[in-house]
Amino acid sequence: MYSAIKFYVSDHGNSGLLLHRIDCSRLPAKEGRTFIGSCYSLLQALSVAKRSYKGVMPCPYCAALPEINAAESDASVLLNTARKPQKK
């Protein structure tokens, strides 16, 4: 299962409106972006953004980032797998 990621829309002049993830290196300052919500994938966030903004495109840097998997982020919390007890 995937973890939710925060997404933002910002105006980049000639490039138009771009959709960014919170961990994007090209994400503008707080004053230059608008939070659209937390989504599980870039495609889901793009469909949410297109409801409010015309012509929004995904940021090329964000599109290259891998999806965040909940199993990877919670790997330290996993318990040992159950085993059948040994007979004496």
PDB file of N, CA and C in Angstrom:
ATOM      1  N   MET A   1       0.842  -1.177   0.000  1.00  0.00           N
ATOM      2  CA  MET A   1       0.000   0.000   0.000  1.00  0.00           C
ATOM      3  C   MET A   1       0.888   1.241   0.000  1.00  0.00           C
ATOM      4  N   TYR A   2       0.460   2.262  -0.684  1.00  0.00           N
ATOM      5  CA  TYR A   2       1.236   3.483  -0.802  1.00  0.00           C
ATOM      6  C   TYR A   2       0.884   4.486   0.290  1.00  0.00           C
ATOM      7  N   SER A   3       1.819   5.364   0.587  1.00  0.00           N
ATOM      8  CA  SER A   3       1.596   6.444   1.541  1.00  0.00           C
ATOM      9  C   SER A   3       1.138   7.681   0.790  1.00  0.00           C
ATOM     10  N   ALA A   4       0.310   8.481   1.437  1.00  0.00           N
ATOM     11  CA  ALA A   4      -0.163   9.720   0.816  1.00  0.00           C
ATOM     12  C   ALA A   4       0.975  10.738   0.775  1.00  0.00           C
ATOM     13  N   ILE A   5       1.027  11.513  -0.297  1.00  0.00           N
ATOM     14  CA  ILE A   5       2.052  12.522  -0.527  1.00  0.00           C
ATOM     15  C   ILE A   5       1.344  13.850  -0.743  1.00  0.00           C
ATOM     16  N   LYS A   6       1.895  14.934  -0.211  1.00  0.00           N
ATOM     17  CA  LYS A   6       1.316  16.260  -0.415  1.00  0.00           C
ATOM     18  C   LYS A   6       1.720  16.787  -1.787  1.00  0.00           C
ATOM     19  N   PHE A   7       0.744  17.389  -2.490  1.00  0.00           N
ATOM     20  CA  PHE A   7       0.979  17.928  -3.825  1.00  0.00           C
ATOM     21  C   PHE A   7       0.609  19.401  -3.867  1.00  0.00           C
ATOM     22  N   TYR A   8       1.343  20.155  -4.705  1.00  0.00           N
ATOM     23  CA  TYR A   8       1.153  21.598  -4.848  1.00  0.00           C
ATOM     24  C   TYR A   8       1.141  21.974  -6.319  1.00  0.00           C
ATOM     25  N   VAL A   9       0.424  23.056  -6.649  1.00  0.00           N
ATOM     26  CA  VAL A   9       0.416  23.627  -7.997  1.00  0.00           C
ATOM     27  C   VAL A   9       1.079  24.993  -7.913  1.00  0.00           C
ATOM     28  N   SER A  10       1.934  25.296  -8.895  1.00  0.00           N
ATOM     29  CA  SER A  10       2.585  26.607  -8.935  1.00  0.00           C
ATOM     30  C   SER A  10       2.681  27.077 -10.380  1.00  0.00           C
ATOM     31  N   ASP A  11       2.721  28.396 -10.547  1.00  0.00           N
ATOM     32  CA  ASP A  11       2.816  29.007 -11.868  1.00  0.00           C
ATOM     33  C   ASP A  11       4.285  29.261 -12.182  1.00  0.00           C
ATOM     34  N   HIS A  12       4.746  28.721 -13.307  1.00  0.00           N
ATOM     35  CA  HIS A  12       6.147  28.865 -13.702  1.00  0.00           C
ATOM     36  C   HIS A  12       6.287  29.688 -14.976  1.00  0.00           C
ATOM     37  N   GLY A  13       5.431  30.681 -15.152  1.00  0.00           N
ATOM     38  CA  GLY A  13       5.551  31.589 -16.293  1.00  0.00           C
ATOM     39  C   GLY A  13       5.401  30.891 -17.626  1.00  0.00           C
ATOM     40  N   ASN A  14       6.485  30.835 -18.401  1.00  0.00           N
ATOM     41  CA  ASN A  14       6.447  30.229 -19.730  1.00  0.00           C
ATOM     42  C   ASN A  14       6.147  28.738 -19.692  1.00  0.00           C
ATOM     43  N   SER A  15       6.536  28.069 -18.609  1.00  0.00           N
ATOM     44  CA  SER A  15       6.279  26.633 -18.483  1.00  0.00           C
ATOM     45  C   SER A  15       4.826  26.348 -18.111  1.00  0.00           C
ATOM     46  N   GLY A  16       4.111  27.351 -17.634  1.00  0.00           N
ATOM     47  CA  GLY A  16       2.709  27.175 -17.258  1.00  0.00           C
ATOM     48  C   GLY A  16       2.568  26.666 -15.833  1.00  0.00           C
ATOM     49  N   LEU A  17       1.423  26.103 -15.539  1.00  0.00           N
ATOM     50  CA  LEU A  17       1.153  25.555 -14.211  1.00  0.00           C
ATOM     51  C   LEU A  17       1.760  24.166 -14.088  1.00  0.00           C
ATOM     52  N   LEU A  18       2.516  23.967 -13.017  1.00  0.00           N
ATOM     53  CA  LEU A  18       3.152  22.672 -12.795  1.00  0.00           C
ATOM     54  C   LEU A  18       2.701  22.083 -11.466  1.00  0.00           C
ATOM     55  N   LEU A  19       2.542  20.774 -11.446  1.00  0.00           N
ATOM     56  CA  LEU A  19       2.174  20.023 -10.260  1.00  0.00           C
ATOM     57  C   LEU A  19       3.439  19.459  -9.625  1.00  0.00           C
ATOM     58  N   HIS A  20       3.644  19.751  -8.336  1.00  0.00           N
ATOM     59  CA  HIS A  20       4.850  19.324  -7.614  1.00  0.00           C
ATOM     60  C   HIS A  20       4.505  18.444  -6.426  1.00  0.00           C
ATOM     61  N   ARG A  21       5.403  17.523  -6.097  1.00  0.00           N
ATOM     62  CA  ARG A  21       5.336  16.773  -4.842  1.00  0.00           C
ATOM     63  C   ARG A  21       6.053  17.576  -3.768  1.00  0.00           C
ATOM     64  N   ILE A  22       5.768  17.267  -2.509  1.00  0.00           N
ATOM     65  CA  ILE A  22       6.385  17.978  -1.383  1.00  0.00           C
ATOM     66  C   ILE A  22       7.908  17.782  -1.373  1.00  0.00           C
ATOM     67  N   ASP A  23       8.399  16.661  -1.893  1.00  0.00           N
ATOM     68  CA  ASP A  23       9.833  16.385  -1.866  1.00  0.00           C
ATOM     69  C   ASP A  23      10.560  16.785  -3.150  1.00  0.00           C
ATOM     70  N   CYS A  24       9.920  17.615  -3.987  1.00  0.00           N
ATOM     71  CA  CYS A  24      10.536  18.060  -5.235  1.00  0.00           C
ATOM     72  C   CYS A  24      11.608  19.117  -4.958  1.00  0.00           C
ATOM     73  N   SER A  25      12.734  18.995  -5.621  1.00  0.00           N
ATOM     74  CA  SER A  25      13.811  19.972  -5.443  1.00  0.00           C
ATOM     75  C   SER A  25      13.469  21.314  -6.096  1.00  0.00           C
ATOM     76  N   ARG A  26      12.513  21.346  -7.006  1.00  0.00           N
ATOM     77  CA  ARG A  26      12.114  22.570  -7.706  1.00  0.00           C
ATOM     78  C   ARG A  26      10.839  23.204  -7.125  1.00  0.00           C
ATOM     79  N   LEU A  27      10.371  22.734  -5.984  1.00  0.00           N
ATOM     80  CA  LEU A  27       9.164  23.272  -5.360  1.00  0.00           C
ATOM     81  C   LEU A  27       9.407  24.709  -4.914  1.00  0.00           C
ATOM     82  N   PRO A  28       8.560  25.657  -5.351  1.00  0.00           N
ATOM     83  CA  PRO A  28       8.739  27.058  -4.965  1.00  0.00           C
ATOM     84  C   PRO A  28       8.449  27.295  -3.480  1.00  0.00           C
ATOM     85  N   ALA A  29       8.753  28.499  -3.018  1.00  0.00           N
ATOM     86  CA  ALA A  29       8.476  28.884  -1.633  1.00  0.00           C
ATOM     87  C   ALA A  29       6.969  28.857  -1.374  1.00  0.00           C
ATOM     88  N   LYS A  30       6.593  28.893  -0.105  1.00  0.00           N
ATOM     89  CA  LYS A  30       5.183  28.786   0.280  1.00  0.00           C
ATOM     90  C   LYS A  30       4.298  29.820  -0.400  1.00  0.00           C
ATOM     91  N   GLU A  31       4.826  31.025  -0.618  1.00  0.00           N
ATOM     92  CA  GLU A  31       4.040  32.091  -1.232  1.00  0.00           C
ATOM     93  C   GLU A  31       3.736  31.817  -2.704  1.00  0.00           C
ATOM     94  N   GLY A  32       4.539  30.985  -3.360  1.00  0.00           N
ATOM     95  CA  GLY A  32       4.399  30.750  -4.790  1.00  0.00           C
ATOM     96  C   GLY A  32       3.747  29.434  -5.150  1.00  0.00           C
ATOM     97  N   ARG A  33       3.073  28.794  -4.204  1.00  0.00           N
ATOM     98  CA  ARG A  33       2.456  27.508  -4.490  1.00  0.00           C
ATOM     99  C   ARG A  33       1.113  27.396  -3.780  1.00  0.00           C
ATOM    100  N   THR A  34       0.276  26.478  -4.279  1.00  0.00           N
ATOM    101  CA  THR A  34      -1.043  26.235  -3.703  1.00  0.00           C
ATOM    102  C   THR A  34      -1.184  24.748  -3.424  1.00  0.00           C
ATOM    103  N   PHE A  35      -1.540  24.415  -2.190  1.00  0.00           N
ATOM    104  CA  PHE A  35      -1.739  23.024  -1.792  1.00  0.00           C
ATOM    105  C   PHE A  35      -3.037  22.507  -2.396  1.00  0.00           C
ATOM    106  N   ILE A  36      -2.971  21.352  -3.076  1.00  0.00           N
ATOM    107  CA  ILE A  36      -4.195  20.794  -3.661  1.00  0.00           C
ATOM    108  C   ILE A  36      -4.689  19.580  -2.896  1.00  0.00           C
ATOM    109  N   GLY A  37      -3.835  18.990  -2.051  1.00  0.00           N
ATOM    110  CA  GLY A  37      -4.254  17.841  -1.265  1.00  0.00           C
ATOM    111  C   GLY A  37      -3.184  16.779  -1.196  1.00  0.00           C
ATOM    112  N   SER A  38      -3.490  15.736  -0.443  1.00  0.00           N
ATOM    113  CA  SER A  38      -2.611  14.574  -0.327  1.00  0.00           C
ATOM    114  C   SER A  38      -3.180  13.459  -1.186  1.00  0.00           C
ATOM    115  N   CYS A  39      -2.344  12.902  -2.047  1.00  0.00           N
ATOM    116  CA  CYS A  39      -2.775  11.853  -2.971  1.00  0.00           C
ATOM    117  C   CYS A  39      -1.780  10.698  -2.908  1.00  0.00           C
ATOM    118  N   TYR A  40      -2.192   9.564  -3.458  1.00  0.00           N
ATOM    119  CA  TYR A  40      -1.360   8.369  -3.407  1.00  0.00           C
ATOM    120  C   TYR A  40      -0.456   8.204  -4.625  1.00  0.00           C
ATOM    121  N   SER A  41      -0.727   8.942  -5.699  1.00  0.00           N
ATOM    122  CA  SER A  41       0.123   8.840  -6.885  1.00  0.00           C
ATOM    123  C   SER A  41       0.090  10.166  -7.641  1.00  0.00           C
ATOM    124  N   LEU A  42       1.020  10.328  -8.548  1.00  0.00           N
ATOM    125  CA  LEU A  42       1.092  11.530  -9.364  1.00  0.00           C
ATOM    126  C   LEU A  42      -0.128  11.633 -10.277  1.00  0.00           C
ATOM    127  N   LEU A  43      -0.584  10.511 -10.807  1.00  0.00           N
ATOM    128  CA  LEU A  43      -1.752  10.526 -11.685  1.00  0.00           C
ATOM    129  C   LEU A  43      -3.014  10.941 -10.936  1.00  0.00           C
ATOM    130  N   GLN A  44      -3.164  10.476  -9.709  1.00  0.00           N
ATOM    131  CA  GLN A  44      -4.314  10.863  -8.906  1.00  0.00           C
ATOM    132  C   GLN A  44      -4.271  12.362  -8.612  1.00  0.00           C
ATOM    133  N   ALA A  45      -3.114  12.867  -8.242  1.00  0.00           N
ATOM    134  CA  ALA A  45      -2.966  14.296  -7.961  1.00  0.00           C
ATOM    135  C   ALA A  45      -3.210  15.138  -9.204  1.00  0.00           C
ATOM    136  N   LEU A  46      -2.785  14.648 -10.352  1.00  0.00           N
ATOM    137  CA  LEU A  46      -2.999  15.368 -11.604  1.00  0.00           C
ATOM    138  C   LEU A  46      -4.487  15.479 -11.922  1.00  0.00           C
ATOM    139  N   SER A  47      -5.241  14.418 -11.686  1.00  0.00           N
ATOM    140  CA  SER A  47      -6.681  14.480 -11.939  1.00  0.00           C
ATOM    141  C   SER A  47      -7.371  15.431 -10.963  1.00  0.00           C
ATOM    142  N   VAL A  48      -6.905  15.488  -9.715  1.00  0.00           N
ATOM    143  CA  VAL A  48      -7.453  16.437  -8.738  1.00  0.00           C
ATOM    144  C   VAL A  48      -7.124  17.866  -9.154  1.00  0.00           C
ATOM    145  N   ALA A  49      -5.897  18.101  -9.571  1.00  0.00           N
ATOM    146  CA  ALA A  49      -5.471  19.446  -9.967  1.00  0.00           C
ATOM    147  C   ALA A  49      -6.207  19.934 -11.211  1.00  0.00           C
ATOM    148  N   LYS A  50      -6.504  19.040 -12.137  1.00  0.00           N
ATOM    149  CA  LYS A  50      -7.174  19.432 -13.378  1.00  0.00           C
ATOM    150  C   LYS A  50      -8.620  19.853 -13.147  1.00  0.00           C
ATOM    151  N   ARG A  51      -9.188  19.489 -11.998  1.00  0.00           N
ATOM    152  CA  ARG A  51     -10.546  19.943 -11.678  1.00  0.00           C
ATOM    153  C   ARG A  51     -10.572  21.443 -11.399  1.00  0.00           C
ATOM    154  N   SER A  52      -9.486  21.971 -10.850  1.00  0.00           N
ATOM    155  CA  SER A  52      -9.447  23.387 -10.464  1.00  0.00           C
ATOM    156  C   SER A  52      -8.581  24.254 -11.371  1.00  0.00           C
ATOM    157  N   TYR A  53      -7.615  23.658 -12.056  1.00  0.00           N
ATOM    158  CA  TYR A  53      -6.663  24.429 -12.857  1.00  0.00           C
ATOM    159  C   TYR A  53      -6.641  23.908 -14.281  1.00  0.00           C
ATOM    160  N   LYS A  54      -6.747  24.833 -15.236  1.00  0.00           N
ATOM    161  CA  LYS A  54      -6.714  24.471 -16.650  1.00  0.00           C
ATOM    162  C   LYS A  54      -5.265  24.443 -17.133  1.00  0.00           C
ATOM    163  N   GLY A  55      -4.881  23.381 -17.821  1.00  0.00           N
ATOM    164  CA  GLY A  55      -3.556  23.288 -18.424  1.00  0.00           C
ATOM    165  C   GLY A  55      -2.444  22.903 -17.465  1.00  0.00           C
ATOM    166  N   VAL A  56      -2.747  22.352 -16.303  1.00  0.00           N
ATOM    167  CA  VAL A  56      -1.704  21.960 -15.360  1.00  0.00           C
ATOM    168  C   VAL A  56      -0.996  20.699 -15.868  1.00  0.00           C
ATOM    169  N   MET A  57       0.325  20.708 -15.724  1.00  0.00           N
ATOM    170  CA  MET A  57       1.158  19.579 -16.164  1.00  0.00           C
ATOM    171  C   MET A  57       2.016  19.112 -14.998  1.00  0.00           C
ATOM    172  N   PRO A  58       2.405  17.829 -14.980  1.00  0.00           N
ATOM    173  CA  PRO A  58       3.301  17.377 -13.906  1.00  0.00           C
ATOM    174  C   PRO A  58       4.708  17.938 -14.085  1.00  0.00           C
ATOM    175  N   CYS A  59       5.335  18.271 -12.989  1.00  0.00           N
ATOM    176  CA  CYS A  59       6.723  18.733 -13.009  1.00  0.00           C
ATOM    177  C   CYS A  59       7.607  17.595 -13.522  1.00  0.00           C
ATOM    178  N   PRO A  60       8.519  17.856 -14.459  1.00  0.00           N
ATOM    179  CA  PRO A  60       9.370  16.773 -14.973  1.00  0.00           C
ATOM    180  C   PRO A  60      10.264  16.153 -13.900  1.00  0.00           C
ATOM    181  N   TYR A  61      10.652  16.927 -12.888  1.00  0.00           N
ATOM    182  CA  TYR A  61      11.485  16.391 -11.810  1.00  0.00           C
ATOM    183  C   TYR A  61      10.666  15.485 -10.905  1.00  0.00           C
ATOM    184  N   CYS A  62       9.419  15.863 -10.635  1.00  0.00           N
ATOM    185  CA  CYS A  62       8.542  15.041  -9.797  1.00  0.00           C
ATOM    186  C   CYS A  62       8.160  13.749 -10.503  1.00  0.00           C
ATOM    187  N   ALA A  63       7.953  13.819 -11.798  1.00  0.00           N
ATOM    188  CA  ALA A  63       7.571  12.634 -12.562  1.00  0.00           C
ATOM    189  C   ALA A  63       8.682  11.582 -12.534  1.00  0.00           C
ATOM    190  N   ALA A  64       9.930  12.013 -12.373  1.00  0.00           N
ATOM    191  CA  ALA A  64      11.061  11.085 -12.344  1.00  0.00           C
ATOM    192  C   ALA A  64      11.267  10.462 -10.962  1.00  0.00           C
ATOM    193  N   LEU A  65      10.643  11.038  -9.920  1.00  0.00           N
ATOM    194  CA  LEU A  65      10.802  10.501  -8.565  1.00  0.00           C
ATOM    195  C   LEU A  65       9.992   9.227  -8.402  1.00  0.00           C
ATOM    196  N   PRO A  66      10.492   8.249  -7.647  1.00  0.00           N
ATOM    197  CA  PRO A  66       9.734   7.008  -7.452  1.00  0.00           C
ATOM    198  C   PRO A  66       8.547   7.231  -6.520  1.00  0.00           C
ATOM    199  N   GLU A  67       7.534   6.384  -6.654  1.00  0.00           N
ATOM    200  CA  GLU A  67       6.382   6.432  -5.754  1.00  0.00           C
ATOM    201  C   GLU A  67       6.849   6.006  -4.361  1.00  0.00           C
ATOM    202  N   ILE A  68       6.225   6.553  -3.330  1.00  0.00           N
ATOM    203  CA  ILE A  68       6.591   6.223  -1.958  1.00  0.00           C
ATOM    204  C   ILE A  68       5.704   5.086  -1.491  1.00  0.00           C
ATOM    205  N   ASN A  69       6.329   3.957  -1.196  1.00  0.00           N
ATOM    206  CA  ASN A  69       5.599   2.770  -0.761  1.00  0.00           C
ATOM    207  C   ASN A  69       5.564   2.737   0.752  1.00  0.00           C
ATOM    208  N   ALA A  70       4.412   2.474   1.335  1.00  0.00           N
ATOM    209  CA  ALA A  70       4.273   2.441   2.795  1.00  0.00           C
ATOM    210  C   ALA A  70       5.139   1.349   3.407  1.00  0.00           C
ATOM    211  N   ALA A  71       5.306   0.233   2.710  1.00  0.00           N
ATOM    212  CA  ALA A  71       6.113  -0.855   3.247  1.00  0.00           C
ATOM    213  C   ALA A  71       7.568  -0.436   3.386  1.00  0.00           C
ATOM    214  N   GLU A  72       8.060   0.395   2.467  1.00  0.00           N
ATOM    215  CA  GLU A  72       9.442   0.868   2.561  1.00  0.00           C
ATOM    216  C   GLU A  72       9.612   1.832   3.727  1.00  0.00           C
ATOM    217  N   SER A  73       8.643   2.717   3.938  1.00  0.00           N
ATOM    218  CA  SER A  73       8.774   3.703   5.000  1.00  0.00           C
ATOM    219  C   SER A  73       8.526   3.109   6.377  1.00  0.00           C
ATOM    220  N   ASP A  74       7.766   2.015   6.457  1.00  0.00           N
ATOM    221  CA  ASP A  74       7.470   1.384   7.732  1.00  0.00           C
ATOM    222  C   ASP A  74       8.298   0.127   7.957  1.00  0.00           C
ATOM    223  N   ALA A  75       9.403  -0.020   7.255  1.00  0.00           N
ATOM    224  CA  ALA A  75      10.200  -1.239   7.339  1.00  0.00           C
ATOM    225  C   ALA A  75      10.750  -1.472   8.738  1.00  0.00           C
ATOM    226  N   SER A  76      11.048  -0.425   9.476  1.00  0.00           N
ATOM    227  CA  SER A  76      11.602  -0.603  10.811  1.00  0.00           C
ATOM    228  C   SER A  76      10.542  -1.014  11.824  1.00  0.00           C
ATOM    229  N   VAL A  77       9.271  -0.908  11.467  1.00  0.00           N
ATOM    230  CA  VAL A  77       8.184  -1.226  12.390  1.00  0.00           C
ATOM    231  C   VAL A  77       7.731  -2.678  12.242  1.00  0.00           C
ATOM    232  N   LEU A  78       8.108  -3.332  11.167  1.00  0.00           N
ATOM    233  CA  LEU A  78       7.655  -4.690  10.918  1.00  0.00           C
ATOM    234  C   LEU A  78       8.134  -5.646  11.998  1.00  0.00           C
ATOM    235  N   LEU A  79       7.253  -6.557  12.358  1.00  0.00           N
ATOM    236  CA  LEU A  79       7.583  -7.562  13.370  1.00  0.00           C
ATOM    237  C   LEU A  79       8.111  -8.811  12.690  1.00  0.00           C
ATOM    238  N   ASN A  80       8.719  -9.681  13.488  1.00  0.00           N
ATOM    239  CA  ASN A  80       9.175 -10.962  12.950  1.00  0.00           C
ATOM    240  C   ASN A  80       7.968 -11.776  12.508  1.00  0.00           C
ATOM    241  N   THR A  81       8.151 -12.590  11.487  1.00  0.00           N
ATOM    242  CA  THR A  81       7.055 -13.419  11.012  1.00  0.00           C
ATOM    243  C   THR A  81       6.782 -14.528  12.008  1.00  0.00           C
ATOM    244  N   ALA A  82       5.528 -14.954  12.040  1.00  0.00           N
ATOM    245  CA  ALA A  82       5.144 -16.015  12.973  1.00  0.00           C
ATOM    246  C   ALA A  82       5.750 -17.326  12.530  1.00  0.00           C
ATOM    247  N   ARG A  83       6.169 -18.136  13.512  1.00  0.00           N
ATOM    248  CA  ARG A  83       6.727 -19.465  13.218  1.00  0.00           C
ATOM    249  C   ARG A  83       6.011 -20.491  14.063  1.00  0.00           C
ATOM    250  N   LYS A  84       5.974 -21.692  13.552  1.00  0.00           N
ATOM    251  CA  LYS A  84       5.389 -22.787  14.290  1.00  0.00           C
ATOM    252  C   LYS A  84       6.344 -23.164  15.419  1.00  0.00           C
ATOM    253  N   PRO A  85       5.842 -23.362  16.644  1.00  0.00           N
ATOM    254  CA  PRO A  85       6.735 -23.711  17.742  1.00  0.00           C
ATOM    255  C   PRO A  85       7.396 -25.080  17.531  1.00  0.00           C
ATOM    256  N   GLN A  86       8.605 -25.199  18.018  1.00  0.00           N
ATOM    257  CA  GLN A  86       9.367 -26.459  17.932  1.00  0.00           C
ATOM    258  C   GLN A  86       8.784 -27.482  18.918  1.00  0.00           C
ATOM    259  N   LYS A  87       8.699 -28.745  18.484  1.00  0.00           N
ATOM    260  CA  LYS A  87       8.254 -29.805  19.390  1.00  0.00           C
ATOM    261  C   LYS A  87       9.405 -30.227  20.254  1.00  0.00           C
ATOM    262  N   LYS A  88       9.109 -30.579  21.506  1.00  0.00           N
ATOM    263  CA  LYS A  88      10.161 -31.047  22.425  1.00  0.00           C
ATOM    264  C   LYS A  88      10.380 -32.525  22.320  1.00  0.00           C
TER     265      LYS A  88
END
